[in-house]
Structure formats: structure tokens, C-alpha cells
C-alpha atoms as a PDB file:
ATOM      1  CA  UNK A   1      63.863 106.759 135.608  1.00  0.00           C
ATOM      2  CA  UNK A   2      63.834 109.190 138.497  1.00  0.00           C
ATOM      3  CA  UNK A   3      67.228 110.569 139.630  1.00  0.00           C
ATOM      4  CA  UNK A   4      68.092 109.402 143.138  1.00  0.00           C
ATOM      5  CA  UNK A   5      70.208 111.375 145.602  1.00  0.00           C
ATOM      6  CA  UNK A   6      73.917 111.090 144.855  1.00  0.00           C
ATOM      7  CA  UNK A   7      77.142 111.666 146.821  1.00  0.00           C
ATOM      8  CA  UNK A   8      77.742 115.452 147.254  1.00  0.00           C
ATOM      9  CA  UNK A   9      81.173 115.107 145.689  1.00  0.00           C
ATOM     10  CA  UNK A  10      79.606 113.907 142.444  1.00  0.00           C
ATOM     11  CA  UNK A  11      77.267 116.971 142.129  1.00  0.00           C
ATOM     12  CA  UNK A  12      79.361 118.428 139.263  1.00  0.00           C
ATOM     13  CA  UNK A  13      78.639 115.248 137.234  1.00  0.00           C
ATOM     14  CA  UNK A  14      74.928 115.524 138.035  1.00  0.00           C
ATOM     15  CA  UNK A  15      74.916 119.125 136.854  1.00  0.00           C
ATOM     16  CA  UNK A  16      76.780 118.229 133.641  1.00  0.00           C
ATOM     17  CA  UNK A  17      80.218 117.070 132.466  1.00  0.00           C
ATOM     18  CA  UNK A  18      81.823 116.001 129.211  1.00  0.00           C
ATOM     19  CA  UNK A  19      83.989 113.026 130.196  1.00  0.00           C
ATOM     20  CA  UNK A  20      86.754 111.947 127.775  1.00  0.00           C
ATOM     21  CA  UNK A  21      87.249 108.183 127.919  1.00  0.00           C
ATOM     22  CA  UNK A  22      89.832 106.066 126.084  1.00  0.00           C
ATOM     23  CA  UNK A  23      87.523 103.137 125.322  1.00  0.00           C
ATOM     24  CA  UNK A  24      89.127  99.745 125.877  1.00  0.00           C
ATOM     25  CA  UNK A  25      88.899  96.985 123.273  1.00  0.00           C
ATOM     26  CA  UNK A  26      85.999  94.581 123.476  1.00  0.00           C
ATOM     27  CA  UNK A  27      83.842  97.134 125.314  1.00  0.00           C
ATOM     28  CA  UNK A  28      80.755  98.504 123.525  1.00  0.00           C
ATOM     29  CA  UNK A  29      80.146 102.212 123.779  1.00  0.00           C
ATOM     30  CA  UNK A  30      77.124 101.490 125.927  1.00  0.00           C
ATOM     31  CA  UNK A  31      79.259  99.322 128.230  1.00  0.00           C
ATOM     32  CA  UNK A  32      81.166 102.570 129.016  1.00  0.00           C
ATOM     33  CA  UNK A  33      77.890 104.581 129.579  1.00  0.00           C
ATOM     34  CA  UNK A  34      76.496 101.820 131.842  1.00  0.00           C
ATOM     35  CA  UNK A  35      79.700 101.696 133.870  1.00  0.00           C
ATOM     36  CA  UNK A  36      79.750 105.453 134.424  1.00  0.00           C
ATOM     37  CA  UNK A  37      76.063 105.426 135.235  1.00  0.00           C
ATOM     38  CA  UNK A  38      76.662 102.738 137.886  1.00  0.00           C
ATOM     39  CA  UNK A  39      79.688 104.411 139.347  1.00  0.00           C
ATOM     40  CA  UNK A  40      78.104 107.836 139.659  1.00  0.00           C
ATOM     41  CA  UNK A  41      74.384 106.789 140.131  1.00  0.00           C
ATOM     42  CA  UNK A  42      73.509 109.482 137.629  1.00  0.00           C
ATOM     43  CA  UNK A  43      70.593 108.597 135.394  1.00  0.00           C
ATOM     44  CA  UNK A  44      71.239 111.074 132.535  1.00  0.00           C
ATOM     45  CA  UNK A  45      74.313 109.702 130.828  1.00  0.00           C
ATOM     46  CA  UNK A  46      74.985 109.256 127.087  1.00  0.00           C
ATOM     47  CA  UNK A  47      77.811 109.027 124.549  1.00  0.00           C
ATOM     48  CA  UNK A  48      78.547 111.114 121.528  1.00  0.00           C
ATOM     49  CA  UNK A  49      79.271 108.686 118.799  1.00  0.00           C
ATOM     50  CA  UNK A  50      79.560 104.859 118.798  1.00  0.00           C
ATOM     51  CA  UNK A  51      82.869 103.002 118.619  1.00  0.00           C
ATOM     52  CA  UNK A  52      82.643  99.363 117.664  1.00  0.00           C
ATOM     53  CA  UNK A  53      83.710  96.817 120.306  1.00  0.00           C
ATOM     54  CA  UNK A  54      86.993  95.975 118.604  1.00  0.00           C
ATOM     55  CA  UNK A  55      87.868  99.694 118.224  1.00  0.00           C
ATOM     56  CA  UNK A  56      89.657 101.732 120.958  1.00  0.00           C
ATOM     57  CA  UNK A  57      90.074 105.394 121.508  1.00  0.00           C
ATOM     58  CA  UNK A  58      88.201 108.529 122.249  1.00  0.00           C
ATOM     59  CA  UNK A  59      84.680 108.330 123.432  1.00  0.00           C
ATOM     60  CA  UNK A  60      82.917 111.458 124.739  1.00  0.00           C
ATOM     61  CA  UNK A  61      80.518 110.600 127.508  1.00  0.00           C
ATOM     62  CA  UNK A  62      78.011 113.353 128.647  1.00  0.00           C
ATOM     63  CA  UNK A  63      76.233 113.640 131.924  1.00  0.00           C
ATOM     64  CA  UNK A  64      73.457 115.918 133.162  1.00  0.00           C
ATOM     65  CA  UNK A  65      72.865 119.084 131.120  1.00  0.00           C
ATOM     66  CA  UNK A  66      75.781 118.200 128.824  1.00  0.00           C
ATOM     67  CA  UNK A  67      73.670 115.463 127.262  1.00  0.00           C
ATOM     68  CA  UNK A  68      72.018 118.332 125.307  1.00  0.00           C
ATOM     69  CA  UNK A  69      75.403 118.844 123.542  1.00  0.00           C
ATOM     70  CA  UNK A  70      75.640 115.225 122.311  1.00  0.00           C
ATOM     71  CA  UNK A  71      74.491 116.074 118.805  1.00  0.00           C
ATOM     72  CA  UNK A  72      76.928 118.917 118.574  1.00  0.00           C
ATOM     73  CA  UNK A  73      79.830 116.619 119.526  1.00  0.00           C
ATOM     74  CA  UNK A  74      78.650 113.871 117.199  1.00  0.00           C
ATOM     75  CA  UNK A  75      78.720 116.315 114.256  1.00  0.00           C
ATOM     76  CA  UNK A  76      82.411 117.137 114.790  1.00  0.00           C
ATOM     77  CA  UNK A  77      85.251 115.985 112.525  1.00  0.00           C
ATOM     78  CA  UNK A  78      86.844 112.673 113.525  1.00  0.00           C
ATOM     79  CA  UNK A  79      90.396 111.359 113.246  1.00  0.00           C
ATOM     80  CA  UNK A  80      91.292 107.644 113.196  1.00  0.00           C
ATOM     81  CA  UNK A  81      94.373 105.528 112.937  1.00  0.00           C
ATOM     82  CA  UNK A  82      94.560 101.801 112.459  1.00  0.00           C
ATOM     83  CA  UNK A  83      95.272  99.006 110.012  1.00  0.00           C
ATOM     84  CA  UNK A  84      93.714  97.439 106.910  1.00  0.00           C
ATOM     85  CA  UNK A  85      94.681  93.906 106.022  1.00  0.00           C
ATOM     86  CA  UNK A  86      94.780  93.308 102.215  1.00  0.00           C
ATOM     87  CA  UNK A  87      94.125  90.104 100.417  1.00  0.00           C
ATOM     88  CA  UNK A  88      90.862  88.963 102.074  1.00  0.00           C
ATOM     89  CA  UNK A  89      87.443  90.269 103.027  1.00  0.00           C
ATOM     90  CA  UNK A  90      85.083  89.591 105.976  1.00  0.00           C
ATOM     91  CA  UNK A  91      81.265  89.814 106.061  1.00  0.00           C
ATOM     92  CA  UNK A  92      81.474  92.500 108.722  1.00  0.00           C
ATOM     93  CA  UNK A  93      84.356  94.347 107.072  1.00  0.00           C
ATOM     94  CA  UNK A  94      86.381  93.846 110.288  1.00  0.00           C
ATOM     95  CA  UNK A  95      87.464  91.029 112.608  1.00  0.00           C
ATOM     96  CA  UNK A  96      84.046  90.488 114.145  1.00  0.00           C
ATOM     97  CA  UNK A  97      83.832  87.732 111.463  1.00  0.00           C
ATOM     98  CA  UNK A  98      86.297  85.377 109.861  1.00  0.00           C
ATOM     99  CA  UNK A  99      88.312  86.445 106.807  1.00  0.00           C
ATOM    100  CA  UNK A 100      87.309  84.781 103.463  1.00  0.00           C
ATOM    101  CA  UNK A 101      87.976  85.261  99.759  1.00  0.00           C
ATOM    102  CA  UNK A 102      91.724  85.165 100.147  1.00  0.00           C
ATOM    103  CA  UNK A 103      93.728  86.753  97.291  1.00  0.00           C
ATOM    104  CA  UNK A 104      97.405  87.044  96.449  1.00  0.00           C
ATOM    105  CA  UNK A 105      98.861  90.533  97.099  1.00  0.00           C
ATOM    106  CA  UNK A 106     102.460  89.997  95.966  1.00  0.00           C
ATOM    107  CA  UNK A 107     101.945  92.058  92.810  1.00  0.00           C
ATOM    108  CA  UNK A 108     100.956  95.228  94.620  1.00  0.00           C
ATOM    109  CA  UNK A 109     103.477  98.044  94.841  1.00  0.00           C
ATOM    110  CA  UNK A 110     103.710 100.761  97.420  1.00  0.00           C
ATOM    111  CA  UNK A 111     102.904 103.388  94.746  1.00  0.00           C
ATOM    112  CA  UNK A 112      99.717 101.514  93.777  1.00  0.00           C
ATOM    113  CA  UNK A 113      98.558 101.395  97.370  1.00  0.00           C
ATOM    114  CA  UNK A 114      99.381 105.048  97.990  1.00  0.00           C
ATOM    115  CA  UNK A 115      97.666 106.090  94.737  1.00  0.00           C
ATOM    116  CA  UNK A 116      94.416 104.230  95.621  1.00  0.00           C
ATOM    117  CA  UNK A 117      93.879 106.678  98.513  1.00  0.00           C
ATOM    118  CA  UNK A 118      93.173 109.451  96.036  1.00  0.00           C
ATOM    119  CA  UNK A 119      89.979 107.684  94.994  1.00  0.00           C
ATOM    120  CA  UNK A 120      88.672 108.000  98.533  1.00  0.00           C
ATOM    121  CA  UNK A 121      89.676 111.582  99.327  1.00  0.00           C
ATOM    122  CA  UNK A 122      87.160 114.477  99.414  1.00  0.00           C
ATOM    123  CA  UNK A 123      83.417 114.118  99.018  1.00  0.00           C
ATOM    124  CA  UNK A 124      82.577 110.468  98.273  1.00  0.00           C
ATOM    125  CA  UNK A 125      79.552 108.196  98.256  1.00  0.00           C
ATOM    126  CA  UNK A 126      79.850 105.385 100.781  1.00  0.00           C
ATOM    127  CA  UNK A 127      77.614 102.373 101.435  1.00  0.00           C
ATOM    128  CA  UNK A 128      77.472 101.588 105.190  1.00  0.00           C
ATOM    129  CA  UNK A 129      78.166  97.974 106.289  1.00  0.00           C
ATOM    130  CA  UNK A 130      75.092  95.843 106.509  1.00  0.00           C
ATOM    131  CA  UNK A 131      76.455  94.691 109.914  1.00  0.00           C
ATOM    132  CA  UNK A 132      75.777  98.097 111.465  1.00  0.00           C
ATOM    133  CA  UNK A 133      73.334  99.749 113.821  1.00  0.00           C
ATOM    134  CA  UNK A 134      71.625 101.685 111.040  1.00  0.00           C
ATOM    135  CA  UNK A 135      67.843 101.200 111.311  1.00  0.00           C
ATOM    136  CA  UNK A 136      65.384 100.083 108.721  1.00  0.00           C
ATOM    137  CA  UNK A 137      61.741  99.823 109.756  1.00  0.00           C
ATOM    138  CA  UNK A 138      62.790 100.668 113.279  1.00  0.00           C
ATOM    139  CA  UNK A 139      65.278  97.778 113.660  1.00  0.00           C
ATOM    140  CA  UNK A 140      69.065  97.746 113.412  1.00  0.00           C
ATOM    141  CA  UNK A 141      70.060  96.205 110.020  1.00  0.00           C
ATOM    142  CA  UNK A 142      72.720  93.947 111.608  1.00  0.00           C
ATOM    143  CA  UNK A 143      69.865  91.829 113.170  1.00  0.00           C
ATOM    144  CA  UNK A 144      68.593  90.968 109.644  1.00  0.00           C
ATOM    145  CA  UNK A 145      72.177  90.505 108.316  1.00  0.00           C
ATOM    146  CA  UNK A 146      72.971  87.995 111.066  1.00  0.00           C
ATOM    147  CA  UNK A 147      69.915  86.002 110.041  1.00  0.00           C
ATOM    148  CA  UNK A 148      71.081  85.875 106.420  1.00  0.00           C
ATOM    149  CA  UNK A 149      68.382  88.212 105.207  1.00  0.00           C
ATOM    150  CA  UNK A 150      69.302  90.412 102.319  1.00  0.00           C
ATOM    151  CA  UNK A 151      69.876  94.019 103.395  1.00  0.00           C
ATOM    152  CA  UNK A 152      70.147  96.864 100.920  1.00  0.00           C
ATOM    153  CA  UNK A 153      71.623 100.199 102.069  1.00  0.00           C
ATOM    154  CA  UNK A 154      71.840 103.232  99.883  1.00  0.00           C
ATOM    155  CA  UNK A 155      75.135 105.161  99.373  1.00  0.00           C
ATOM    156  CA  UNK A 156      75.548 108.194 101.559  1.00  0.00           C
ATOM    157  CA  UNK A 157      77.759 111.263 101.065  1.00  0.00           C
ATOM    158  CA  UNK A 158      80.668 111.512 103.451  1.00  0.00           C
ATOM    159  CA  UNK A 159      83.856 113.619 103.387  1.00  0.00           C
ATOM    160  CA  UNK A 160      87.331 112.249 103.763  1.00  0.00           C
ATOM    161  CA  UNK A 161      89.520 115.235 104.534  1.00  0.00           C
ATOM    162  CA  UNK A 162      92.759 113.143 104.765  1.00  0.00           C
ATOM    163  CA  UNK A 163      93.568 109.564 103.899  1.00  0.00           C
ATOM    164  CA  UNK A 164      97.222 108.694 104.434  1.00  0.00           C
ATOM    165  CA  UNK A 165      99.044 105.389 104.365  1.00  0.00           C
ATOM    166  CA  UNK A 166     101.667 105.749 107.076  1.00  0.00           C
ATOM    167  CA  UNK A 167     103.426 102.385 106.819  1.00  0.00           C
ATOM    168  CA  UNK A 168     103.125  99.196 104.760  1.00  0.00           C
ATOM    169  CA  UNK A 169     103.999  95.748 106.108  1.00  0.00           C
ATOM    170  CA  UNK A 170     102.266  93.540 103.625  1.00  0.00           C
ATOM    171  CA  UNK A 171      99.579  92.445 103.789  1.00  0.00           C
ATOM    172  CA  UNK A 172      98.940  95.040 106.510  1.00  0.00           C
ATOM    173  CA  UNK A 173      98.762  98.792 105.763  1.00  0.00           C
ATOM    174  CA  UNK A 174      98.734 101.456 108.518  1.00  0.00           C
ATOM    175  CA  UNK A 175      96.503 104.429 107.897  1.00  0.00           C
ATOM    176  CA  UNK A 176      95.380 107.795 109.228  1.00  0.00           C
ATOM    177  CA  UNK A 177      91.985 109.140 108.271  1.00  0.00           C
ATOM    178  CA  UNK A 178      90.307 112.491 109.006  1.00  0.00           C
ATOM    179  CA  UNK A 179      86.650 112.443 108.073  1.00  0.00           C
ATOM    180  CA  UNK A 180      83.208 113.805 108.547  1.00  0.00           C
ATOM    181  CA  UNK A 181      80.640 112.331 110.882  1.00  0.00           C
ATOM    182  CA  UNK A 182      78.783 109.296 109.392  1.00  0.00           C
ATOM    183  CA  UNK A 183      81.937 107.811 107.818  1.00  0.00           C
ATOM    184  CA  UNK A 184      82.416 104.088 108.277  1.00  0.00           C
ATOM    185  CA  UNK A 185      86.078 103.196 108.367  1.00  0.00           C
ATOM    186  CA  UNK A 186      85.080  99.545 107.876  1.00  0.00           C
ATOM    187  CA  UNK A 187      83.427 100.466 104.633  1.00  0.00           C
ATOM    188  CA  UNK A 188      86.464 102.505 103.640  1.00  0.00           C
ATOM    189  CA  UNK A 189      88.602  99.376 104.181  1.00  0.00           C
ATOM    190  CA  UNK A 190      86.275  97.246 102.072  1.00  0.00           C
ATOM    191  CA  UNK A 191      86.077  99.782  99.246  1.00  0.00           C
ATOM    192  CA  UNK A 192      89.881 100.342  99.370  1.00  0.00           C
ATOM    193  CA  UNK A 193      90.510  96.606  98.979  1.00  0.00           C
ATOM    194  CA  UNK A 194      88.057  96.428  96.088  1.00  0.00           C
ATOM    195  CA  UNK A 195      89.783  99.328  94.375  1.00  0.00           C
ATOM    196  CA  UNK A 196      93.094  97.494  94.639  1.00  0.00           C
ATOM    197  CA  UNK A 197      91.442  94.294  93.315  1.00  0.00           C
ATOM    198  CA  UNK A 198      92.533  92.166  96.286  1.00  0.00           C
ATOM    199  CA  UNK A 199      89.960  92.827  98.970  1.00  0.00           C
ATOM    200  CA  UNK A 200      90.608  94.169 102.445  1.00  0.00           C
ATOM    201  CA  UNK A 201      89.126  94.355 105.918  1.00  0.00           C
ATOM    202  CA  UNK A 202      89.712  96.624 108.870  1.00  0.00           C
ATOM    203  CA  UNK A 203      92.008  94.843 111.335  1.00  0.00           C
ATOM    204  CA  UNK A 204      92.390  97.517 113.965  1.00  0.00           C
ATOM    205  CA  UNK A 205      90.928 100.938 114.662  1.00  0.00           C
ATOM    206  CA  UNK A 206      91.614 103.750 117.135  1.00  0.00           C
ATOM    207  CA  UNK A 207      89.770 107.143 117.273  1.00  0.00           C
ATOM    208  CA  UNK A 208      92.350 109.751 118.117  1.00  0.00           C
ATOM    209  CA  UNK A 209      90.321 112.948 117.877  1.00  0.00           C
ATOM    210  CA  UNK A 210      86.811 114.339 117.859  1.00  0.00           C
ATOM    211  CA  UNK A 211      86.779 118.026 116.879  1.00  0.00           C
ATOM    212  CA  UNK A 212      89.309 119.643 119.241  1.00  0.00           C
ATOM    213  CA  UNK A 213      89.059 116.811 121.786  1.00  0.00           C
ATOM    214  CA  UNK A 214      92.234 114.543 121.787  1.00  0.00           C
ATOM    215  CA  UNK A 215      92.519 110.951 122.969  1.00  0.00           C
ATOM    216  CA  UNK A 216      95.763 112.033 124.685  1.00  0.00           C
ATOM    217  CA  UNK A 217      93.537 114.034 127.079  1.00  0.00           C
ATOM    218  CA  UNK A 218      91.257 111.064 127.748  1.00  0.00           C
ATOM    219  CA  UNK A 219      91.336 108.780 130.775  1.00  0.00           C
ATOM    220  CA  UNK A 220      91.064 105.036 131.022  1.00  0.00           C
ATOM    221  CA  UNK A 221      88.023 103.324 132.599  1.00  0.00           C
ATOM    222  CA  UNK A 222      90.269 102.228 135.440  1.00  0.00           C
ATOM    223  CA  UNK A 223      91.515 105.738 136.218  1.00  0.00           C
ATOM    224  CA  UNK A 224      87.996 107.187 135.986  1.00  0.00           C
ATOM    225  CA  UNK A 225      86.699 104.501 138.413  1.00  0.00           C
ATOM    226  CA  UNK A 226      89.569 105.145 140.809  1.00  0.00           C
ATOM    227  CA  UNK A 227      88.836 108.858 140.687  1.00  0.00           C
ATOM    228  CA  UNK A 228      85.171 108.430 141.433  1.00  0.00           C
ATOM    229  CA  UNK A 229      85.810 105.984 144.310  1.00  0.00           C
ATOM    230  CA  UNK A 230      88.247 108.535 145.833  1.00  0.00           C
ATOM    231  CA  UNK A 231      85.641 111.277 145.546  1.00  0.00           C
ATOM    232  CA  UNK A 232      83.116 109.141 147.324  1.00  0.00           C
ATOM    233  CA  UNK A 233      85.537 108.100 150.101  1.00  0.00           C
END
């Protein structure tokens, strides 16, 4: 697609910018890219690392020449906070699907829950969710999973630098995770629940940091839209 002429005030975005967005819940990462593309009329726009629709938090969106740095941003360490709900599982490992396999959690102690984090700290092997955008034979595996087709994914090495349980309000546990790129927090929730013998799913997720970029420095989609409209005025 050929780049059309844009408003002179938006020239810096055409030349290249890294925009920090606090992604709203229910938006896909590409929804954010599409919105920024429509607002600025810039063709070359991309994001540096997908956030699931139900997740919120830091999304780096690159324009112009900065799209060349997307892989560099994607490779940076990530930090997340959120909640796991114990005592059930879901097919998608989060609330995109309904909880099933309910299990009593009354016997679990805080020390057991805290101790289970040690199993998932450091270099670990992790199987990604079958409801993910990982491709097999050129197609995202979630398409096959939604049709009930068996999907087999191989474990992958990821590094969990920190896994902390910050608060427990049974059956919900509040966590903070610092991890390498390629880590699926949904899979961590599923495996954590399995280790405790009661099952678990990710009930909320927020990305708070990518490398040295902080979500506290990000802007909402509303504030970004307002800024662009003022520049064009």
C-alpha cells in the first residue's frame, strides 16, 4: 500500500515513532494498530508483542522507520501482574472460555501456594496454549483448536526471572511475573494449578513493563486520539 500525503504536523510519526499505549480490555493488539493507522493515515505501523484481548497494559506501537526495531522490542524482558483463579480450568487457560473441572481448594495453605512458585522460576520448559496464534503449516493453531481438532505443541524453553504471589483471596491469587519473551502467562496459570492439584486459569492480566518501558509512561487510546486530532486542527 502506497503512503499518501499526511498532515504536516504528523510528519514525525511518518518518519518514525515508538508510541506507548495502555491497551484497553477487549481490544486486540491489531485493533490498536488499525486505530493508530486510521488516525494518522500512516501505512507503516506495527506492534511489538501481542496482548490478548482480555489483557490490558503496555503495548509498543511503532511507526515509520521505528518498525525496524520491532524485533528488538519484542525480545525485551516483560513484567506482568494479574490474577489466577484456582479450583477450575478453561480450554483457553483464561476467561475467553467457560471454567470447567471445578475442584475444592479449601485444603490449600498459603505456604503451599507460595512454595509452588519455585517450580516455575528460572529456566523452564513450557507448552504454549493450543488456543494461541502460534502457526503450524502456515495457520494459527487456535483455528484448529476451535474446530475440535487435536493440536500438539512441543514444550519451549522460557525464563521466569521472578514469580511472586502478592496477595491471596481464595480462590484468587494475585501475582507478579518477570519473564523472557515467548512466555505465556496463560500456560503458567494452567501449569501452576496442575502443580497444586486443583487446576487454575488466568482471570486477569496486565503488562506493566517491556524492557525499560513502563506502562506508567503509556497513554490511553482516548488521549492519543485527542492528541492527534489537536495536531491536525
